Amino acid sequence: MRILLVHQNYPGQFLRIAPALEQRGHEVMALTRSDNTRQISMRHMRYQHEDINPTGPGASYMKHAARGGSAARAAQALRDKHGFSPDVIFGHPGWGETLFLREVWPSARLLTYAEFYYGTEGRDWGFDPEFSQDTLGSRVGLISRQAHLLQALQQSDAALSPTNWQASTFPQEYRDRIYVVHDGIDTDLARPNPDARLTLKTGQVFNAGDEVLTYVGRNLEPYRGYHTFMRALPEVLARRPNAHAVIVGGDGVSYGTARADGVSWKQHMLNEVGGNLDMNRVHFTGKLSYPDFISLLQISRVHAYLSYPFVLSWSLMEAMSAGCHIVGSDTSPVAEVIHDGQTGQLVDFFDVPAWSEALVNGLANPRDFDHLRTGARALIKENYDLRTVCLPKLIEFVETAGA
């Protein structure tokens, strides 16, 4: 078959499925935005697009529809000038790119990636009252973000969601067309390694077995509980004088909003608790290379993962695959894979003393939690292994779903 993969930051979620489809003999092509800086080895086309900044309740749809129009014009050129007409289109609808592709290729099977559906109940919105305000304007703005996602889902022959909880955020009447298959974890790469070593840019060296507490986020921000972790950290380091904390993540914003005062969330929390920290034992790495990230997980004695009720991070499941002792927030997406007392520990997202206590106990008594490490890796290998579980299901989805 001819298959078109669509993602403004390609490869995104298609990193592993694209080469697997090519190996199956399919002709695979990508459509992505012109300013995507990632290297793309396969055939692809880039669409030109200038972001617009409309205002008002319909601003979100207007912004995403404009991008959808840009993607559709590139698709038309792909059809008319290059003779490419896909049998299957599989795209991420989050930025509007799939909205009008059916008008270019009406006979193609359209598949979309159902990552998350916005709502004002039971999800990220309003979960953390410290950083959100419940106003009519904020509710209207959030609900308006449903429009392009609902249109994309309505047009789709089938959709794919990586977790059951994320699938559950979509309207009930569309659930029967949503398949739940995770992108997959490479358990051969993310595995326990008793000989692991990590050297930081400062020259600090950590080995497996050292008393290291780890925290990872794409960016350091409230959506991933950075503020709760930092508030728990002074007590942890005070009670564990030989412990070090290694904190991974950028200074920007991935999911929430930047602070109005222009101060990064990282610095904001250091302003709040830094005076109570031994900064010689707190190591901010920024963003790590993937090999260093895996080494970090392998040397971790305790790994803290927090998240609002939102998209689940690959990093959590990679940490589980690496055999980390996970202390996670008791929020719905996390609880789908962290089963308290079996694959990790769950702590109330906002309970700072409970976080301090759980992290201290994990650092002080690592052997007491070996069963959690074993359970975490076993769950990932059984249900989320890339090669034996997820890739076969992903391939089947692209080849047959909605046919």
Protein backbone atom coordinates (compact mmCIF):
# COMPACT_ATOMS: atom_id res chain seq x y z
CA MET A 1 0.00 0.00 0.00
CA ARG A 2 0.91 3.65 -0.27
CA ILE A 3 0.87 5.19 3.21
CA LEU A 4 1.13 8.88 4.12
CA LEU A 5 2.17 9.77 7.68
CA VAL A 6 1.30 13.31 8.77
CA HIS A 7 2.86 15.14 11.72
CA GLN A 8 4.04 18.75 12.02
CA ASN A 9 7.07 17.57 14.00
CA TYR A 10 7.62 14.29 12.19
CA PRO A 11 8.42 11.56 13.14
CA GLY A 12 6.69 12.17 16.49
CA GLN A 13 4.67 9.09 17.35
CA PHE A 14 5.56 7.49 13.99
CA LEU A 15 9.25 7.01 14.80
CA ARG A 16 9.09 3.23 14.96
CA ILE A 17 6.04 2.39 12.88
CA ALA A 18 7.38 4.11 9.73
CA PRO A 19 10.42 1.85 9.16
CA ALA A 20 8.39 -1.20 10.18
CA LEU A 21 5.83 -0.42 7.48
CA GLU A 22 8.59 0.03 4.91
CA GLN A 23 10.03 -3.34 5.88
CA ARG A 24 6.60 -4.82 5.20
CA GLY A 25 6.93 -3.60 1.60
CA HIS A 26 4.66 -0.57 1.82
CA GLU A 27 5.53 2.72 0.15
CA VAL A 28 5.68 5.21 3.01
CA MET A 29 5.87 8.99 2.73
CA ALA A 30 5.73 11.78 5.33
CA LEU A 31 4.07 15.19 5.29
CA THR A 32 5.47 17.70 7.77
CA ARG A 33 5.92 21.40 8.35
CA SER A 34 8.71 23.23 6.54
CA ASP A 35 10.46 24.36 9.72
CA ASN A 36 10.62 20.87 11.25
CA THR A 37 14.31 20.60 12.17
CA ARG A 38 14.37 16.84 12.75
CA GLN A 39 16.26 14.73 10.25
CA ILE A 40 13.96 12.69 8.01
CA SER A 41 15.55 9.86 6.07
CA MET A 42 12.45 8.68 4.20
CA ARG A 43 10.62 10.38 1.31
CA HIS A 44 8.73 13.40 2.54
CA MET A 45 7.13 16.68 1.61
CA ARG A 46 7.16 19.86 3.68
CA TYR A 47 4.28 22.32 3.70
CA GLN A 48 4.72 26.06 4.13
CA HIS A 49 2.67 27.67 6.85
CA GLU A 50 2.59 30.99 8.66
CA ASP A 51 0.89 30.85 12.05
CA ILE A 52 -2.02 33.18 12.60
CA ASN A 53 -3.06 34.60 15.97
CA PRO A 54 -6.81 35.15 15.97
CA THR A 55 -8.73 36.07 19.11
CA GLY A 56 -12.11 35.20 20.55
CA PRO A 57 -13.93 31.93 21.28
CA GLY A 58 -13.31 30.57 17.78
CA ALA A 59 -9.61 31.41 17.73
CA SER A 60 -8.44 27.85 18.34
CA TYR A 61 -10.39 26.41 15.43
CA MET A 62 -9.33 29.22 13.13
CA LYS A 63 -5.67 28.62 13.97
CA HIS A 64 -5.86 24.87 13.43
CA ALA A 65 -8.01 25.16 10.31
CA ALA A 66 -5.45 27.53 8.78
CA ARG A 67 -2.75 24.93 9.30
CA GLY A 68 -5.06 22.28 7.89
CA GLY A 69 -5.48 24.39 4.78
CA SER A 70 -1.71 24.66 4.37
CA ALA A 71 -1.33 20.90 4.72
CA ALA A 72 -4.15 20.31 2.22
CA ARG A 73 -2.53 22.56 -0.39
CA ALA A 74 0.72 20.63 -0.04
CA ALA A 75 -1.24 17.39 -0.33
CA GLN A 76 -2.83 18.65 -3.54
CA ALA A 77 0.62 19.37 -4.98
CA LEU A 78 1.76 15.94 -3.88
CA ARG A 79 -1.14 14.45 -5.83
CA ASP A 80 -1.11 16.66 -8.94
CA LYS A 81 2.60 17.33 -9.42
CA HIS A 82 4.14 14.17 -8.03
CA GLY A 83 1.42 11.62 -8.67
CA PHE A 84 1.22 10.37 -5.10
CA SER A 85 -2.18 9.12 -3.94
CA PRO A 86 -2.13 7.17 -0.67
CA ASP A 87 -4.27 4.19 0.19
CA VAL A 88 -3.93 5.10 3.87
CA ILE A 89 -3.41 8.44 5.63
CA PHE A 90 -2.33 8.24 9.27
CA GLY A 91 -1.96 11.63 10.94
CA HIS A 92 -1.82 13.40 14.27
CA PRO A 93 -4.80 15.79 14.30
CA GLY A 94 -3.57 17.91 17.20
CA TRP A 95 -2.53 20.85 15.02
CA GLY A 96 -5.25 20.58 12.38
CA GLU A 97 -3.17 18.99 9.63
CA THR A 98 -5.63 16.19 8.84
CA LEU A 99 -8.77 18.36 8.70
CA PHE A 100 -9.04 18.69 4.92
CA LEU A 101 -6.98 15.80 3.55
CA ARG A 102 -10.10 13.82 2.70
CA GLU A 103 -10.99 16.59 0.23
CA VAL A 104 -7.75 15.83 -1.62
CA TRP A 105 -7.91 12.04 -1.38
CA PRO A 106 -11.57 11.07 -0.74
CA SER A 107 -11.00 7.35 -1.27
CA ALA A 108 -8.05 6.99 1.13
CA ARG A 109 -8.56 5.34 4.49
CA LEU A 110 -8.07 8.06 7.12
CA LEU A 111 -6.57 7.12 10.48
CA THR A 112 -5.85 9.60 13.27
CA TYR A 113 -3.88 9.55 16.49
CA ALA A 114 -6.33 10.18 19.34
CA GLU A 115 -3.87 11.47 21.91
CA PHE A 116 -6.05 13.61 24.17
CA TYR A 117 -9.44 15.34 24.18
CA TYR A 118 -9.80 18.54 26.17
CA GLY A 119 -12.50 18.91 28.81
CA THR A 120 -13.28 20.76 32.02
CA GLU A 121 -13.94 17.68 34.17
CA GLY A 122 -11.56 14.92 35.24
CA ARG A 123 -8.59 16.06 33.22
CA ASP A 124 -5.76 18.56 33.46
CA TRP A 125 -7.95 21.66 33.46
CA GLY A 126 -8.55 22.93 36.99
CA PHE A 127 -6.65 20.02 38.55
CA ASP A 128 -4.10 22.29 40.20
CA PRO A 129 -5.91 25.38 41.56
CA GLU A 130 -2.60 27.00 42.47
CA PHE A 131 -1.91 27.65 38.79
CA SER A 132 -5.36 27.82 37.19
CA GLN A 133 -8.42 30.03 37.51
CA ASP A 134 -11.94 28.73 37.00
CA THR A 135 -13.59 31.46 34.97
CA LEU A 136 -16.15 31.39 32.19
CA GLY A 137 -13.54 32.74 29.79
CA SER A 138 -11.06 29.98 30.61
CA ARG A 139 -13.76 27.33 30.23
CA VAL A 140 -14.88 28.70 26.87
CA GLY A 141 -11.30 28.85 25.65
CA LEU A 142 -10.67 25.25 26.65
CA ILE A 143 -13.89 23.81 25.20
CA SER A 144 -13.23 25.61 21.91
CA ARG A 145 -10.13 23.42 21.55
CA GLN A 146 -12.40 20.40 21.09
CA ALA A 147 -13.68 21.54 17.70
CA HIS A 148 -10.80 20.52 15.43
CA LEU A 149 -10.25 17.27 17.34
CA LEU A 150 -13.90 16.33 17.03
CA GLN A 151 -13.94 17.14 13.31
CA ALA A 152 -10.82 15.04 12.79
CA LEU A 153 -12.31 12.11 14.69
CA GLN A 154 -15.62 12.37 12.85
CA GLN A 155 -13.82 12.14 9.51
CA SER A 156 -11.65 9.21 10.56
CA ASP A 157 -12.27 5.62 9.63
CA ALA A 158 -10.44 4.63 12.82
CA ALA A 159 -8.26 6.23 15.50
CA LEU A 160 -5.45 5.12 17.78
CA SER A 161 -4.86 6.05 21.42
CA PRO A 162 -1.75 5.00 23.39
CA THR A 163 -3.48 4.31 26.73
CA ASN A 164 -6.93 3.38 27.95
CA TRP A 165 -7.21 6.53 30.02
CA GLN A 166 -6.35 8.79 27.09
CA ALA A 167 -8.93 6.98 24.95
CA SER A 168 -11.49 7.53 27.72
CA THR A 169 -11.19 11.31 27.38
CA PHE A 170 -12.96 11.19 24.00
CA PRO A 171 -16.77 11.26 23.67
CA GLN A 172 -18.42 7.92 24.32
CA GLU A 173 -20.09 7.79 20.91
CA TYR A 174 -16.66 7.61 19.22
CA ARG A 175 -14.98 5.07 21.48
CA ASP A 176 -15.82 2.13 19.24
CA ARG A 177 -13.54 3.48 16.52
CA ILE A 178 -10.59 4.10 18.88
CA TYR A 179 -8.03 1.30 19.16
CA VAL A 180 -5.74 1.34 22.20
CA VAL A 181 -2.15 0.49 21.28
CA HIS A 182 0.91 2.09 22.84
CA ASP A 183 3.80 3.35 20.69
CA GLY A 184 5.97 0.70 22.35
CA ILE A 185 9.00 0.59 24.64
CA ASP A 186 12.32 -0.85 23.50
CA THR A 187 12.91 -3.11 26.48
CA ASP A 188 16.28 -4.22 25.10
CA LEU A 189 17.57 -0.65 25.40
CA ALA A 190 15.69 0.37 28.54
CA ARG A 191 16.78 -2.48 30.80
CA PRO A 192 18.48 -2.88 34.18
CA ASN A 193 22.26 -2.61 34.06
CA PRO A 194 24.21 -3.12 37.32
CA ASP A 195 27.32 -1.73 35.61
CA ALA A 196 25.70 1.51 34.47
CA ARG A 197 27.58 4.78 34.89
CA LEU A 198 26.59 8.38 34.15
CA THR A 199 29.01 11.30 33.91
CA LEU A 200 27.43 14.75 34.10
CA LYS A 201 28.79 17.78 32.28
CA THR A 202 30.12 19.00 35.64
CA GLY A 203 32.33 15.91 35.85
CA GLN A 204 30.23 14.33 38.60
CA VAL A 205 30.11 10.56 38.12
CA PHE A 206 27.32 8.29 39.34
CA ASN A 207 27.28 4.50 39.28
CA ALA A 208 24.49 2.00 39.72
CA GLY A 209 24.08 1.52 43.46
CA ASP A 210 24.76 5.16 44.36
CA GLU A 211 22.14 7.02 46.33
CA VAL A 212 20.59 8.92 43.42
CA LEU A 213 17.08 10.33 43.21
CA THR A 214 15.94 11.11 39.65
CA TYR A 215 13.25 13.28 38.10
CA VAL A 216 12.61 13.69 34.35
CA GLY A 217 10.41 16.05 32.38
CA ARG A 218 10.61 17.39 28.85
CA ASN A 219 10.48 20.77 30.55
CA LEU A 220 10.38 21.58 34.26
CA GLU A 221 6.79 22.73 34.82
CA PRO A 222 3.74 22.14 37.02
CA TYR A 223 2.04 19.75 34.55
CA ARG A 224 4.67 17.17 35.46
CA GLY A 225 4.65 18.02 39.17
CA TYR A 226 7.99 19.80 39.23
CA HIS A 227 6.74 22.12 41.98
CA THR A 228 5.63 19.26 44.24
CA PHE A 229 8.92 17.43 43.72
CA MET A 230 10.98 20.52 44.53
CA ARG A 231 8.95 21.22 47.65
CA ALA A 232 9.60 17.66 48.85
CA LEU A 233 13.31 17.78 48.06
CA PRO A 234 14.67 19.81 51.04
CA GLU A 235 13.35 17.27 53.54
CA VAL A 236 14.68 14.37 51.46
CA LEU A 237 18.22 15.75 51.23
CA ALA A 238 18.22 16.80 54.89
CA ARG A 239 17.38 13.26 56.00
CA ARG A 240 19.65 11.57 53.46
CA PRO A 241 22.96 13.46 53.68
CA ASN A 242 24.66 11.32 51.02
CA ALA A 243 21.85 11.47 48.48
CA HIS A 244 22.02 13.39 45.21
CA ALA A 245 19.09 14.55 43.06
CA VAL A 246 19.50 14.54 39.27
CA ILE A 247 16.81 16.62 37.57
CA VAL A 248 16.34 16.41 33.80
CA GLY A 249 14.35 18.89 31.72
CA GLY A 250 14.45 22.16 29.84
CA ASP A 251 13.56 25.63 31.06
CA GLY A 252 10.63 26.09 28.68
CA VAL A 253 6.99 25.01 28.69
CA SER A 254 5.64 21.92 26.95
CA TYR A 255 2.04 21.63 28.14
CA GLY A 256 1.06 24.40 30.51
CA THR A 257 1.66 28.13 30.34
CA ALA A 258 4.67 30.27 31.03
CA ARG A 259 4.70 32.49 34.08
CA ALA A 260 3.42 36.02 33.54
CA ASP A 261 6.53 37.46 35.21
CA GLY A 262 8.83 35.80 32.68
CA VAL A 263 10.64 33.72 35.31
CA SER A 264 11.08 30.06 34.35
CA TRP A 265 9.34 27.45 36.48
CA LYS A 266 12.76 26.03 37.31
CA GLN A 267 13.95 29.33 38.73
CA HIS A 268 10.63 30.07 40.40
CA MET A 269 10.89 26.92 42.49
CA LEU A 270 14.56 27.53 43.25
CA ASN A 271 13.56 30.97 44.49
CA GLU A 272 11.03 29.27 46.76
CA VAL A 273 13.04 26.34 48.17
CA GLY A 274 16.63 26.79 47.01
CA GLY A 275 17.72 28.34 50.29
CA ASN A 276 16.92 25.03 52.01
CA LEU A 277 18.83 22.87 49.52
CA ASP A 278 22.44 21.76 49.43
CA MET A 279 22.95 22.75 45.80
CA ASN A 280 26.14 20.67 45.62
CA ARG A 281 23.81 17.68 45.67
CA VAL A 282 21.19 18.99 43.23
CA HIS A 283 22.13 18.53 39.59
CA PHE A 284 20.12 20.15 36.79
CA THR A 285 21.18 18.52 33.53
CA GLY A 286 18.94 20.32 31.06
CA LYS A 287 18.03 17.92 28.26
CA LEU A 288 20.02 14.70 28.03
CA SER A 289 20.99 12.59 25.02
CA TYR A 290 19.01 9.37 24.84
CA PRO A 291 21.97 7.14 25.82
CA ASP A 292 22.63 9.33 28.87
CA PHE A 293 18.93 9.29 29.70
CA ILE A 294 18.94 5.48 29.72
CA SER A 295 22.09 5.46 31.86
CA LEU A 296 20.38 7.84 34.28
CA LEU A 297 17.46 5.45 34.70
CA GLN A 298 19.84 2.54 35.20
CA ILE A 299 21.73 4.26 38.04
CA SER A 300 18.58 5.65 39.71
CA ARG A 301 17.78 4.36 43.19
CA VAL A 302 14.38 6.10 43.25
CA HIS A 303 12.62 7.73 40.31
CA ALA A 304 9.88 10.32 40.92
CA TYR A 305 7.19 10.75 38.28
CA LEU A 306 4.28 13.14 38.63
CA SER A 307 1.67 14.23 36.14
CA TYR A 308 -1.61 16.06 35.99
CA PRO A 309 -4.42 13.91 34.49
CA PHE A 310 -2.93 14.33 31.02
CA VAL A 311 -0.90 12.50 28.38
CA LEU A 312 1.33 9.83 29.92
CA SER A 313 5.07 10.29 29.35
CA TRP A 314 7.15 7.71 27.52
CA SER A 315 9.82 8.39 30.17
CA LEU A 316 7.73 6.76 32.90
CA MET A 317 7.38 3.52 30.97
CA GLU A 318 11.04 3.58 29.98
CA ALA A 319 11.92 4.01 33.67
CA MET A 320 9.74 1.00 34.50
CA SER A 321 11.42 -1.02 31.74
CA ALA A 322 14.83 -0.06 33.14
CA GLY A 323 13.82 -1.53 36.49
CA CYS A 324 13.44 1.73 38.41
CA HIS A 325 11.73 1.98 41.76
CA ILE A 326 8.97 4.41 40.78
CA VAL A 327 7.21 6.76 43.17
CA GLY A 328 4.36 8.17 41.09
CA SER A 329 1.48 10.57 41.52
CA ASP A 330 -1.88 8.96 42.21
CA THR A 331 -3.49 10.38 39.08
CA SER A 332 -5.50 8.38 36.54
CA PRO A 333 -2.98 8.12 33.68
CA VAL A 334 -0.17 7.15 36.06
CA ALA A 335 -2.29 4.60 37.92
CA GLU A 336 -2.92 2.77 34.65
CA VAL A 337 0.63 1.39 34.80
CA ILE A 338 1.80 2.06 38.38
CA HIS A 339 -0.16 -0.38 40.51
CA ASP A 340 0.52 0.58 44.10
CA GLY A 341 2.61 -2.06 45.85
CA GLN A 342 3.11 -4.09 42.67
CA THR A 343 4.84 -1.96 40.02
CA GLY A 344 5.59 1.11 42.11
CA GLN A 345 4.19 3.40 44.77
CA LEU A 346 1.44 5.97 44.38
CA VAL A 347 1.36 9.21 46.38
CA ASP A 348 -1.20 12.01 46.32
CA PHE A 349 0.02 14.58 43.80
CA PHE A 350 -0.19 17.50 46.26
CA ASP A 351 0.91 15.79 49.52
CA VAL A 352 4.44 17.15 49.91
CA PRO A 353 5.20 15.45 53.28
CA ALA A 354 4.06 12.10 51.86
CA TRP A 355 6.35 12.60 48.87
CA SER A 356 9.29 13.37 51.12
CA GLU A 357 8.60 10.29 53.22
CA ALA A 358 8.24 7.94 50.24
CA LEU A 359 11.41 9.22 48.58
CA VAL A 360 13.41 9.02 51.81
CA ASN A 361 12.27 5.44 52.43
CA GLY A 362 13.17 4.44 48.89
CA LEU A 363 16.64 5.91 49.17
CA ALA A 364 17.25 4.45 52.63
CA ASN A 365 15.98 0.92 51.99
CA PRO A 366 16.44 0.07 48.31
CA ARG A 367 16.25 -3.73 48.76
CA ASP A 368 12.79 -3.40 50.31
CA PHE A 369 11.48 -2.30 46.91
CA ASP A 370 13.15 -4.82 44.61
CA HIS A 371 9.79 -6.49 44.01
CA LEU A 372 8.46 -3.20 42.63
CA ARG A 373 11.37 -2.93 40.22
CA THR A 374 10.80 -6.48 39.03
CA GLY A 375 7.06 -5.93 38.74
CA ALA A 376 7.47 -2.72 36.78
CA ARG A 377 9.73 -4.28 34.16
CA ALA A 378 7.54 -7.37 33.89
CA LEU A 379 4.45 -5.26 33.20
CA ILE A 380 6.21 -3.30 30.44
CA LYS A 381 7.63 -6.42 28.80
CA GLU A 382 4.29 -8.20 28.86
CA ASN A 383 2.08 -5.33 27.69
CA TYR A 384 4.19 -2.62 26.06
CA ASP A 385 7.25 -4.27 24.51
CA LEU A 386 7.99 -2.64 21.17
CA ARG A 387 8.85 -5.69 19.09
CA THR A 388 6.69 -8.45 20.56
CA VAL A 389 3.54 -6.54 21.49
CA CYS A 390 3.15 -3.02 20.12
CA LEU A 391 4.68 -3.05 16.64
CA PRO A 392 2.62 -6.04 15.47
CA LYS A 393 -0.55 -4.34 16.73
CA LEU A 394 0.43 -0.98 15.18
CA ILE A 395 1.12 -2.60 11.83
CA GLU A 396 -2.21 -4.41 11.96
CA PHE A 397 -3.95 -1.14 12.79
CA VAL A 398 -2.49 0.69 9.79
CA GLU A 399 -3.07 -2.20 7.43
CA THR A 400 -6.62 -3.09 8.43
CA ALA A 401 -8.37 -0.65 10.81
CA GLY A 402 -11.42 1.01 9.32
CA ALA A 403 -11.20 -1.00 6.10
